[in-house]
Protein backbone atom coordinates (compact mmCIF):
# COMPACT_ATOMS: atom_id res chain seq x y z
CA PRO A 1 103.44 -137.65 -67.58
CA TYR A 2 107.02 -136.49 -67.26
CA THR A 3 107.54 -135.93 -70.99
CA THR A 4 104.32 -133.94 -71.42
CA LEU A 5 105.25 -131.71 -68.48
CA PHE A 6 108.35 -130.46 -70.26
CA ARG A 7 106.85 -130.23 -73.76
CA SER A 8 103.67 -128.34 -72.90
CA ASN A 9 102.87 -125.16 -71.06
CA ARG A 10 100.16 -124.97 -68.39
CA PHE A 11 97.54 -124.47 -71.12
CA GLY A 12 98.43 -127.70 -72.91
CA ALA A 13 100.12 -126.01 -75.90
CA LEU A 14 103.66 -126.63 -77.11
CA HIS A 15 106.07 -125.03 -74.64
CA GLY A 16 107.93 -121.98 -75.98
CA GLY A 17 111.24 -123.48 -74.88
CA MET A 18 110.61 -126.54 -77.05
CA THR A 19 109.77 -124.25 -79.97
CA ALA A 20 113.02 -122.32 -79.43
CA ALA A 21 115.02 -125.56 -79.20
CA MET A 22 113.59 -126.77 -82.53
CA MET A 23 114.45 -123.43 -84.12
CA ASP A 24 118.00 -123.58 -82.72
CA ASP A 25 118.41 -127.09 -84.15
CA VAL A 26 117.38 -126.15 -87.69
CA ILE A 27 119.53 -122.99 -87.53
CA SER A 28 122.50 -125.11 -86.42
CA LEU A 29 121.96 -127.46 -89.37
CA ALA A 30 121.88 -124.57 -91.85
CA ALA A 31 125.02 -123.09 -90.30
CA GLY A 32 126.85 -126.41 -90.22
CA LEU A 33 126.23 -127.03 -93.91
CA SER A 34 128.06 -123.82 -94.85
CA VAL A 35 131.39 -124.41 -93.10
CA GLU A 36 134.54 -126.40 -93.77
CA TRP A 37 135.37 -129.71 -92.09
CA GLY A 38 136.81 -128.99 -88.64
CA GLN A 39 134.82 -125.81 -88.06
CA ILE A 40 131.99 -125.47 -85.54
CA THR A 41 129.07 -123.04 -85.43
CA PRO A 42 128.01 -122.18 -81.88
CA THR A 43 125.01 -119.88 -81.44
CA LEU A 44 125.99 -116.41 -80.22
CA GLU A 45 122.41 -115.13 -79.87
CA MET A 46 118.92 -116.04 -81.01
CA LYS A 47 115.62 -114.17 -81.07
CA VAL A 48 112.37 -116.11 -81.35
CA SER A 49 109.05 -114.48 -82.28
CA TYR A 50 106.04 -116.62 -81.33
CA ILE A 51 103.19 -116.18 -83.81
CA ARG A 52 100.70 -118.80 -82.58
CA GLN A 53 100.61 -121.76 -80.23
CA GLY A 54 101.82 -125.10 -81.49
CA LYS A 55 99.71 -128.14 -80.73
CA LEU A 56 101.18 -131.15 -78.93
CA GLY A 57 101.39 -134.13 -81.24
CA ALA A 58 101.14 -132.03 -84.41
CA ARG A 59 103.70 -132.51 -87.18
CA LEU A 60 105.86 -129.39 -87.46
CA VAL A 61 108.06 -128.28 -90.34
CA ALA A 62 111.13 -126.09 -89.86
CA ALA A 63 113.23 -124.35 -92.50
CA ALA A 64 116.27 -122.10 -92.18
CA ARG A 65 118.27 -119.96 -94.58
CA THR A 66 121.56 -118.14 -94.33
CA VAL A 67 120.99 -114.40 -94.71
CA ARG A 68 124.68 -113.49 -94.72
CA ARG A 69 127.86 -115.41 -94.04
CA GLY A 70 131.23 -113.90 -93.30
CA SER A 71 134.48 -115.62 -92.38
CA THR A 72 133.75 -115.69 -88.62
CA VAL A 73 130.03 -114.91 -88.26
CA ALA A 74 126.82 -115.96 -90.02
CA PHE A 75 123.28 -114.56 -89.78
CA ILE A 76 120.52 -117.13 -90.18
CA GLU A 77 116.71 -116.94 -90.14
CA ALA A 78 114.24 -119.79 -89.60
CA GLU A 79 110.51 -120.49 -89.65
CA LEU A 80 108.49 -123.17 -87.89
CA SER A 81 105.07 -124.09 -89.31
CA ASP A 82 102.48 -126.78 -88.76
CA GLU A 83 101.75 -129.28 -91.51
CA ALA A 84 98.92 -127.08 -92.82
CA GLY A 85 101.44 -124.28 -93.37
CA ALA A 86 100.32 -122.05 -90.48
CA LEU A 87 103.31 -120.15 -89.10
CA ILE A 88 104.10 -121.01 -85.47
CA ALA A 89 107.30 -119.02 -84.92
CA THR A 90 110.20 -117.26 -86.60
CA ALA A 91 113.76 -116.90 -85.38
CA SER A 92 116.88 -114.97 -86.27
CA SER A 93 120.30 -115.94 -85.03
CA THR A 94 123.92 -114.89 -85.04
CA ILE A 95 126.31 -117.83 -85.35
CA ALA A 96 130.06 -117.90 -84.77
CA ILE A 97 132.26 -119.76 -87.24
CA THR A 98 135.34 -121.07 -85.49
CA PRO A 99 137.79 -123.98 -85.68
CA LEU A 100 137.15 -126.95 -83.43
CA LYS A 101 139.79 -126.96 -80.71
CA ARG A 102 141.04 -130.42 -79.86
């Protein structure tokens, strides 16, 4: 099916791009919780390290933490695990902190 094509790789495992997108989402949430109203936190760069393949249909758990936050840049790390606690991937990201331009 269409949805499986874009969520899995040719071996039937969770596609690395989907893993990276989930990591970017949880990093964005962590970044967004640390800023003032009217500020945005676009990703400047992100590195993902794939530890093991994720299984399609498995429940995954993501967590992120701010390593360091300055006035214009934040550094955030995240982990993605399956429900048994096995590590799927880690990510580190640099986030800009900037006012929303209207």
